[in-house]
Amino acid sequence: NMGEGKTSVILPMLAAALGMPGTIACRILVLRSLVDANVRDIRYTLGGCLGRRVHSFSFDRSNDLDEAKLAQLQTNLDECIENGGV
């Protein structure tokens, strides 16, 4: 059902409800072709209206991870959980 508000209305509502500060981080997976539009909508809704921080992690199987990158990723995820980010 295209154009009925799944991405712009329902998804931010679910993310805000599930990503409660200090408990868990809410993760939204987006197809690469839809990233720009979805991130813009989610940042506007959650970041602008609700004051929640939206963290973007571009990740795929070709990422080369070492200990420093994993530690930075863990730090970002901990911050996201603490502050109720998405």
PDB file of N, CA and C in Angstrom:
ATOM      1  N   ASN A   1       0.837  -1.172   0.000  1.00  0.00           N
ATOM      2  CA  ASN A   1       0.000   0.000   0.000  1.00  0.00           C
ATOM      3  C   ASN A   1       0.883   1.237   0.000  1.00  0.00           C
ATOM      4  N   MET A   2       1.274   1.644  -1.169  1.00  0.00           N
ATOM      5  CA  MET A   2       2.194   2.776  -1.300  1.00  0.00           C
ATOM      6  C   MET A   2       1.514   4.087  -0.923  1.00  0.00           C
ATOM      7  N   GLY A   3       2.264   4.956  -0.256  1.00  0.00           N
ATOM      8  CA  GLY A   3       1.782   6.287   0.059  1.00  0.00           C
ATOM      9  C   GLY A   3       0.852   6.375   1.248  1.00  0.00           C
ATOM     10  N   GLU A   4       0.827   5.349   2.099  1.00  0.00           N
ATOM     11  CA  GLU A   4      -0.090   5.370   3.233  1.00  0.00           C
ATOM     12  C   GLU A   4       0.604   5.658   4.566  1.00  0.00           C
ATOM     13  N   GLY A   5       1.863   6.095   4.525  1.00  0.00           N
ATOM     14  CA  GLY A   5       2.536   6.558   5.725  1.00  0.00           C
ATOM     15  C   GLY A   5       3.306   5.521   6.515  1.00  0.00           C
ATOM     16  N   LYS A   6       3.642   4.404   5.892  1.00  0.00           N
ATOM     17  CA  LYS A   6       4.383   3.376   6.629  1.00  0.00           C
ATOM     18  C   LYS A   6       5.751   3.891   7.077  1.00  0.00           C
ATOM     19  N   THR A   7       6.487   4.505   6.170  1.00  0.00           N
ATOM     20  CA  THR A   7       7.833   4.982   6.487  1.00  0.00           C
ATOM     21  C   THR A   7       7.803   6.306   7.223  1.00  0.00           C
ATOM     22  N   SER A   8       6.945   7.206   6.850  1.00  0.00           N
ATOM     23  CA  SER A   8       6.963   8.546   7.424  1.00  0.00           C
ATOM     24  C   SER A   8       6.181   8.677   8.722  1.00  0.00           C
ATOM     25  N   VAL A   9       5.242   7.762   8.997  1.00  0.00           N
ATOM     26  CA  VAL A   9       4.413   7.879  10.197  1.00  0.00           C
ATOM     27  C   VAL A   9       4.605   6.685  11.136  1.00  0.00           C
ATOM     28  N   ILE A  10       4.346   5.502  10.641  1.00  0.00           N
ATOM     29  CA  ILE A  10       4.348   4.308  11.494  1.00  0.00           C
ATOM     30  C   ILE A  10       5.756   3.954  11.961  1.00  0.00           C
ATOM     31  N   LEU A  11       6.730   3.978  11.071  1.00  0.00           N
ATOM     32  CA  LEU A  11       8.102   3.609  11.431  1.00  0.00           C
ATOM     33  C   LEU A  11       8.683   4.505  12.525  1.00  0.00           C
ATOM     34  N   PRO A  12       8.567   5.841  12.433  1.00  0.00           N
ATOM     35  CA  PRO A  12       9.063   6.673  13.540  1.00  0.00           C
ATOM     36  C   PRO A  12       8.321   6.435  14.853  1.00  0.00           C
ATOM     37  N   MET A  13       7.022   6.153  14.795  1.00  0.00           N
ATOM     38  CA  MET A  13       6.271   5.870  16.018  1.00  0.00           C
ATOM     39  C   MET A  13       6.781   4.599  16.680  1.00  0.00           C
ATOM     40  N   LEU A  14       7.012   3.562  15.892  1.00  0.00           N
ATOM     41  CA  LEU A  14       7.540   2.314  16.435  1.00  0.00           C
ATOM     42  C   LEU A  14       8.946   2.511  16.998  1.00  0.00           C
ATOM     43  N   ALA A  15       9.787   3.237  16.276  1.00  0.00           N
ATOM     44  CA  ALA A  15      11.155   3.467  16.730  1.00  0.00           C
ATOM     45  C   ALA A  15      11.173   4.242  18.038  1.00  0.00           C
ATOM     46  N   ALA A  16      10.315   5.237  18.158  1.00  0.00           N
ATOM     47  CA  ALA A  16      10.255   6.030  19.397  1.00  0.00           C
ATOM     48  C   ALA A  16       9.754   5.191  20.563  1.00  0.00           C
ATOM     49  N   ALA A  17       8.808   4.306  20.308  1.00  0.00           N
ATOM     50  CA  ALA A  17       8.263   3.466  21.377  1.00  0.00           C
ATOM     51  C   ALA A  17       9.247   2.374  21.793  1.00  0.00           C
ATOM     52  N   LEU A  18       9.942   1.796  20.835  1.00  0.00           N
ATOM     53  CA  LEU A  18      10.843   0.683  21.141  1.00  0.00           C
ATOM     54  C   LEU A  18      12.194   1.141  21.682  1.00  0.00           C
ATOM     55  N   GLY A  19      12.670   2.293  21.247  1.00  0.00           N
ATOM     56  CA  GLY A  19      13.990   2.778  21.673  1.00  0.00           C
ATOM     57  C   GLY A  19      13.909   3.641  22.908  1.00  0.00           C
ATOM     58  N   MET A  20      13.489   3.088  24.004  1.00  0.00           N
ATOM     59  CA  MET A  20      13.368   3.855  25.242  1.00  0.00           C
ATOM     60  C   MET A  20      14.751   4.094  25.844  1.00  0.00           C
ATOM     61  N   PRO A  21      15.027   5.322  26.312  1.00  0.00           N
ATOM     62  CA  PRO A  21      16.349   5.647  26.858  1.00  0.00           C
ATOM     63  C   PRO A  21      16.773   4.708  27.991  1.00  0.00           C
ATOM     64  N   GLY A  22      18.016   4.253  27.908  1.00  0.00           N
ATOM     65  CA  GLY A  22      18.582   3.421  28.961  1.00  0.00           C
ATOM     66  C   GLY A  22      18.233   1.955  28.898  1.00  0.00           C
ATOM     67  N   THR A  23      17.443   1.549  27.912  1.00  0.00           N
ATOM     68  CA  THR A  23      17.048   0.139  27.846  1.00  0.00           C
ATOM     69  C   THR A  23      17.643  -0.542  26.629  1.00  0.00           C
ATOM     70  N   ILE A  24      17.108  -0.256  25.459  1.00  0.00           N
ATOM     71  CA  ILE A  24      17.586  -0.887  24.233  1.00  0.00           C
ATOM     72  C   ILE A  24      17.673   0.153  23.125  1.00  0.00           C
ATOM     73  N   ALA A  25      18.425  -0.171  22.097  1.00  0.00           N
ATOM     74  CA  ALA A  25      18.478   0.661  20.900  1.00  0.00           C
ATOM     75  C   ALA A  25      17.532   0.058  19.876  1.00  0.00           C
ATOM     76  N   CYS A  26      16.823   0.888  19.184  1.00  0.00           N
ATOM     77  CA  CYS A  26      15.941   0.429  18.119  1.00  0.00           C
ATOM     78  C   CYS A  26      16.709   0.517  16.808  1.00  0.00           C
ATOM     79  N   ARG A  27      16.743  -0.575  16.071  1.00  0.00           N
ATOM     80  CA  ARG A  27      17.485  -0.618  14.817  1.00  0.00           C
ATOM     81  C   ARG A  27      16.513  -0.660  13.650  1.00  0.00           C
ATOM     82  N   ILE A  28      16.742   0.185  12.679  1.00  0.00           N
ATOM     83  CA  ILE A  28      15.936   0.208  11.463  1.00  0.00           C
ATOM     84  C   ILE A  28      16.846  -0.157  10.304  1.00  0.00           C
ATOM     85  N   LEU A  29      16.506  -1.195   9.585  1.00  0.00           N
ATOM     86  CA  LEU A  29      17.278  -1.603   8.412  1.00  0.00           C
ATOM     87  C   LEU A  29      16.604  -1.031   7.176  1.00  0.00           C
ATOM     88  N   VAL A  30      17.417  -0.437   6.302  1.00  0.00           N
ATOM     89  CA  VAL A  30      16.883   0.226   5.121  1.00  0.00           C
ATOM     90  C   VAL A  30      17.643  -0.256   3.898  1.00  0.00           C
ATOM     91  N   LEU A  31      16.919  -0.486   2.816  1.00  0.00           N
ATOM     92  CA  LEU A  31      17.566  -0.843   1.566  1.00  0.00           C
ATOM     93  C   LEU A  31      18.454   0.304   1.095  1.00  0.00           C
ATOM     94  N   ARG A  32      19.560  -0.035   0.496  1.00  0.00           N
ATOM     95  CA  ARG A  32      20.515   0.979   0.055  1.00  0.00           C
ATOM     96  C   ARG A  32      19.857   2.000  -0.874  1.00  0.00           C
ATOM     97  N   SER A  33      18.963   1.549  -1.722  1.00  0.00           N
ATOM     98  CA  SER A  33      18.320   2.466  -2.668  1.00  0.00           C
ATOM     99  C   SER A  33      17.362   3.445  -1.995  1.00  0.00           C
ATOM    100  N   LEU A  34      16.926   3.141  -0.779  1.00  0.00           N
ATOM    101  CA  LEU A  34      15.968   3.991  -0.075  1.00  0.00           C
ATOM    102  C   LEU A  34      16.570   4.757   1.104  1.00  0.00           C
ATOM    103  N   VAL A  35      17.864   4.625   1.318  1.00  0.00           N
ATOM    104  CA  VAL A  35      18.503   5.215   2.498  1.00  0.00           C
ATOM    105  C   VAL A  35      18.286   6.716   2.586  1.00  0.00           C
ATOM    106  N   ASP A  36      18.567   7.451   1.518  1.00  0.00           N
ATOM    107  CA  ASP A  36      18.485   8.913   1.578  1.00  0.00           C
ATOM    108  C   ASP A  36      17.104   9.399   1.987  1.00  0.00           C
ATOM    109  N   ALA A  37      16.076   8.881   1.345  1.00  0.00           N
ATOM    110  CA  ALA A  37      14.714   9.320   1.644  1.00  0.00           C
ATOM    111  C   ALA A  37      14.292   8.899   3.049  1.00  0.00           C
ATOM    112  N   ASN A  38      14.589   7.668   3.423  1.00  0.00           N
ATOM    113  CA  ASN A  38      14.168   7.182   4.739  1.00  0.00           C
ATOM    114  C   ASN A  38      14.908   7.880   5.875  1.00  0.00           C
ATOM    115  N   VAL A  39      16.195   8.073   5.735  1.00  0.00           N
ATOM    116  CA  VAL A  39      16.964   8.740   6.786  1.00  0.00           C
ATOM    117  C   VAL A  39      16.495  10.181   6.948  1.00  0.00           C
ATOM    118  N   ARG A  40      16.227  10.850   5.845  1.00  0.00           N
ATOM    119  CA  ARG A  40      15.733  12.229   5.910  1.00  0.00           C
ATOM    120  C   ARG A  40      14.397  12.285   6.659  1.00  0.00           C
ATOM    121  N   ASP A  41      13.472  11.390   6.331  1.00  0.00           N
ATOM    122  CA  ASP A  41      12.165  11.368   6.998  1.00  0.00           C
ATOM    123  C   ASP A  41      12.293  11.034   8.480  1.00  0.00           C
ATOM    124  N   ILE A  42      13.109  10.043   8.794  1.00  0.00           N
ATOM    125  CA  ILE A  42      13.260   9.609  10.187  1.00  0.00           C
ATOM    126  C   ILE A  42      13.962  10.690  11.007  1.00  0.00           C
ATOM    127  N   ARG A  43      14.990  11.321  10.438  1.00  0.00           N
ATOM    128  CA  ARG A  43      15.676  12.411  11.152  1.00  0.00           C
ATOM    129  C   ARG A  43      14.734  13.577  11.397  1.00  0.00           C
ATOM    130  N   TYR A  44      13.899  13.895  10.433  1.00  0.00           N
ATOM    131  CA  TYR A  44      12.957  15.002  10.598  1.00  0.00           C
ATOM    132  C   TYR A  44      11.965  14.682  11.711  1.00  0.00           C
ATOM    133  N   THR A  45      11.423  13.472  11.677  1.00  0.00           N
ATOM    134  CA  THR A  45      10.391  13.106  12.648  1.00  0.00           C
ATOM    135  C   THR A  45      10.970  12.876  14.030  1.00  0.00           C
ATOM    136  N   LEU A  46      11.969  12.011  14.142  1.00  0.00           N
ATOM    137  CA  LEU A  46      12.516  11.673  15.456  1.00  0.00           C
ATOM    138  C   LEU A  46      13.460  12.746  15.973  1.00  0.00           C
ATOM    139  N   GLY A  47      14.318  13.240  15.112  1.00  0.00           N
ATOM    140  CA  GLY A  47      15.287  14.237  15.550  1.00  0.00           C
ATOM    141  C   GLY A  47      14.666  15.599  15.760  1.00  0.00           C
ATOM    142  N   GLY A  48      13.864  16.032  14.812  1.00  0.00           N
ATOM    143  CA  GLY A  48      13.282  17.363  14.888  1.00  0.00           C
ATOM    144  C   GLY A  48      12.123  17.463  15.854  1.00  0.00           C
ATOM    145  N   CYS A  49      11.167  16.569  15.738  1.00  0.00           N
ATOM    146  CA  CYS A  49       9.947  16.673  16.543  1.00  0.00           C
ATOM    147  C   CYS A  49      10.110  16.083  17.936  1.00  0.00           C
ATOM    148  N   LEU A  50      10.804  14.977  18.049  1.00  0.00           N
ATOM    149  CA  LEU A  50      10.888  14.275  19.326  1.00  0.00           C
ATOM    150  C   LEU A  50      12.210  14.463  20.050  1.00  0.00           C
ATOM    151  N   GLY A  51      13.185  15.066  19.391  1.00  0.00           N
ATOM    152  CA  GLY A  51      14.480  15.303  20.028  1.00  0.00           C
ATOM    153  C   GLY A  51      15.308  14.050  20.214  1.00  0.00           C
ATOM    154  N   ARG A  52      15.050  13.009  19.435  1.00  0.00           N
ATOM    155  CA  ARG A  52      15.848  11.787  19.511  1.00  0.00           C
ATOM    156  C   ARG A  52      16.964  11.845  18.478  1.00  0.00           C
ATOM    157  N   ARG A  53      18.136  11.341  18.849  1.00  0.00           N
ATOM    158  CA  ARG A  53      19.252  11.328  17.916  1.00  0.00           C
ATOM    159  C   ARG A  53      19.158  10.099  17.027  1.00  0.00           C
ATOM    160  N   VAL A  54      19.370  10.301  15.737  1.00  0.00           N
ATOM    161  CA  VAL A  54      19.358   9.213  14.766  1.00  0.00           C
ATOM    162  C   VAL A  54      20.802   8.940  14.365  1.00  0.00           C
ATOM    163  N   HIS A  55      21.277   7.741  14.662  1.00  0.00           N
ATOM    164  CA  HIS A  55      22.642   7.328  14.332  1.00  0.00           C
ATOM    165  C   HIS A  55      22.608   6.542  13.025  1.00  0.00           C
ATOM    166  N   SER A  56      23.496   6.869  12.121  1.00  0.00           N
ATOM    167  CA  SER A  56      23.576   6.139  10.846  1.00  0.00           C
ATOM    168  C   SER A  56      24.846   5.307  10.828  1.00  0.00           C
ATOM    169  N   PHE A  57      24.684   4.036  10.599  1.00  0.00           N
ATOM    170  CA  PHE A  57      25.815   3.126  10.476  1.00  0.00           C
ATOM    171  C   PHE A  57      25.712   2.436   9.125  1.00  0.00           C
ATOM    172  N   SER A  58      26.564   2.822   8.204  1.00  0.00           N
ATOM    173  CA  SER A  58      26.601   2.150   6.915  1.00  0.00           C
ATOM    174  C   SER A  58      27.438   0.890   7.079  1.00  0.00           C
ATOM    175  N   PHE A  59      26.826  -0.241   6.859  1.00  0.00           N
ATOM    176  CA  PHE A  59      27.510  -1.490   7.156  1.00  0.00           C
ATOM    177  C   PHE A  59      27.125  -2.548   6.137  1.00  0.00           C
ATOM    178  N   ASP A  60      28.099  -3.270   5.654  1.00  0.00           N
ATOM    179  CA  ASP A  60      27.841  -4.432   4.803  1.00  0.00           C
ATOM    180  C   ASP A  60      28.951  -5.453   4.989  1.00  0.00           C
ATOM    181  N   ARG A  61      28.871  -6.519   4.290  1.00  0.00           N
ATOM    182  CA  ARG A  61      29.821  -7.624   4.488  1.00  0.00           C
ATOM    183  C   ARG A  61      31.246  -7.269   4.101  1.00  0.00           C
ATOM    184  N   SER A  62      31.407  -6.253   3.284  1.00  0.00           N
ATOM    185  CA  SER A  62      32.758  -5.896   2.846  1.00  0.00           C
ATOM    186  C   SER A  62      33.491  -5.004   3.847  1.00  0.00           C
ATOM    187  N   ASN A  63      32.820  -4.576   4.919  1.00  0.00           N
ATOM    188  CA  ASN A  63      33.489  -3.747   5.930  1.00  0.00           C
ATOM    189  C   ASN A  63      34.631  -4.521   6.574  1.00  0.00           C
ATOM    190  N   ASP A  64      35.781  -3.867   6.654  1.00  0.00           N
ATOM    191  CA  ASP A  64      36.953  -4.472   7.263  1.00  0.00           C
ATOM    192  C   ASP A  64      37.053  -3.947   8.693  1.00  0.00           C
ATOM    193  N   LEU A  65      36.757  -4.793   9.667  1.00  0.00           N
ATOM    194  CA  LEU A  65      36.716  -4.365  11.064  1.00  0.00           C
ATOM    195  C   LEU A  65      37.969  -4.787  11.810  1.00  0.00           C
ATOM    196  N   ASP A  66      38.512  -3.854  12.573  1.00  0.00           N
ATOM    197  CA  ASP A  66      39.599  -4.171  13.484  1.00  0.00           C
ATOM    198  C   ASP A  66      39.132  -3.788  14.886  1.00  0.00           C
ATOM    199  N   GLU A  67      39.996  -3.953  15.882  1.00  0.00           N
ATOM    200  CA  GLU A  67      39.592  -3.685  17.272  1.00  0.00           C
ATOM    201  C   GLU A  67      39.194  -2.238  17.498  1.00  0.00           C
ATOM    202  N   ALA A  68      39.894  -1.321  16.876  1.00  0.00           N
ATOM    203  CA  ALA A  68      39.584   0.106  17.061  1.00  0.00           C
ATOM    204  C   ALA A  68      38.210   0.444  16.489  1.00  0.00           C
ATOM    205  N   LYS A  69      37.899  -0.080  15.310  1.00  0.00           N
ATOM    206  CA  LYS A  69      36.594   0.182  14.696  1.00  0.00           C
ATOM    207  C   LYS A  69      35.472  -0.458  15.498  1.00  0.00           C
ATOM    208  N   LEU A  70      35.707  -1.661  16.010  1.00  0.00           N
ATOM    209  CA  LEU A  70      34.702  -2.321  16.840  1.00  0.00           C
ATOM    210  C   LEU A  70      34.474  -1.568  18.149  1.00  0.00           C
ATOM    211  N   ALA A  71      35.534  -1.050  18.735  1.00  0.00           N
ATOM    212  CA  ALA A  71      35.399  -0.272  19.971  1.00  0.00           C
ATOM    213  C   ALA A  71      34.608   1.002  19.721  1.00  0.00           C
ATOM    214  N   GLN A  72      34.858   1.677  18.595  1.00  0.00           N
ATOM    215  CA  GLN A  72      34.108   2.890  18.254  1.00  0.00           C
ATOM    216  C   GLN A  72      32.637   2.566  18.014  1.00  0.00           C
ATOM    217  N   LEU A  73      32.379   1.460  17.335  1.00  0.00           N
ATOM    218  CA  LEU A  73      31.006   1.028  17.091  1.00  0.00           C
ATOM    219  C   LEU A  73      30.292   0.740  18.410  1.00  0.00           C
ATOM    220  N   GLN A  74      30.976   0.074  19.334  1.00  0.00           N
ATOM    221  CA  GLN A  74      30.397  -0.219  20.643  1.00  0.00           C
ATOM    222  C   GLN A  74      30.104   1.064  21.421  1.00  0.00           C
ATOM    223  N   THR A  75      31.022   2.030  21.347  1.00  0.00           N
ATOM    224  CA  THR A  75      30.815   3.319  22.008  1.00  0.00           C
ATOM    225  C   THR A  75      29.586   4.024  21.451  1.00  0.00           C
ATOM    226  N   ASN A  76      29.449   4.033  20.131  1.00  0.00           N
ATOM    227  CA  ASN A  76      28.292   4.670  19.493  1.00  0.00           C
ATOM    228  C   ASN A  76      26.996   3.963  19.871  1.00  0.00           C
ATOM    229  N   LEU A  77      27.016   2.645  19.918  1.00  0.00           N
ATOM    230  CA  LEU A  77      25.813   1.900  20.290  1.00  0.00           C
ATOM    231  C   LEU A  77      25.445   2.137  21.754  1.00  0.00           C
ATOM    232  N   ASP A  78      26.447   2.202  22.632  1.00  0.00           N
ATOM    233  CA  ASP A  78      26.165   2.485  24.054  1.00  0.00           C
ATOM    234  C   ASP A  78      25.542   3.862  24.218  1.00  0.00           C
ATOM    235  N   GLU A  79      26.057   4.855  23.488  1.00  0.00           N
ATOM    236  CA  GLU A  79      25.491   6.204  23.530  1.00  0.00           C
ATOM    237  C   GLU A  79      24.052   6.206  23.023  1.00  0.00           C
ATOM    238  N   CYS A  80      23.824   5.446  21.972  1.00  0.00           N
ATOM    239  CA  CYS A  80      22.485   5.339  21.408  1.00  0.00           C
ATOM    240  C   CYS A  80      21.509   4.750  22.434  1.00  0.00           C
ATOM    241  N   ILE A  81      21.940   3.720  23.132  1.00  0.00           N
ATOM    242  CA  ILE A  81      21.085   3.088  24.156  1.00  0.00           C
ATOM    243  C   ILE A  81      20.827   4.053  25.302  1.00  0.00           C
ATOM    244  N   GLU A  82      21.869   4.723  25.794  1.00  0.00           N
ATOM    245  CA  GLU A  82      21.737   5.652  26.912  1.00  0.00           C
ATOM    246  C   GLU A  82      20.736   6.762  26.642  1.00  0.00           C
ATOM    247  N   ASN A  83      20.777   7.280  25.426  1.00  0.00           N
ATOM    248  CA  ASN A  83      19.976   8.455  25.092  1.00  0.00           C
ATOM    249  C   ASN A  83      18.676   8.133  24.360  1.00  0.00           C
ATOM    250  N   GLY A  84      18.370   6.864  24.179  1.00  0.00           N
ATOM    251  CA  GLY A  84      17.143   6.487  23.498  1.00  0.00           C
ATOM    252  C   GLY A  84      17.160   6.808  22.019  1.00  0.00           C
ATOM    253  N   GLY A  85      18.339   6.731  21.434  1.00  0.00           N
ATOM    254  CA  GLY A  85      18.464   7.025  20.006  1.00  0.00           C
ATOM    255  C   GLY A  85      18.004   5.874  19.142  1.00  0.00           C
ATOM    256  N   VAL A  86      18.017   6.130  17.877  1.00  0.00           N
ATOM    257  CA  VAL A  86      17.616   5.116  16.879  1.00  0.00           C
ATOM    258  C   VAL A  86      18.742   4.962  15.902  1.00  0.00           C
TER     259      VAL A  86
END
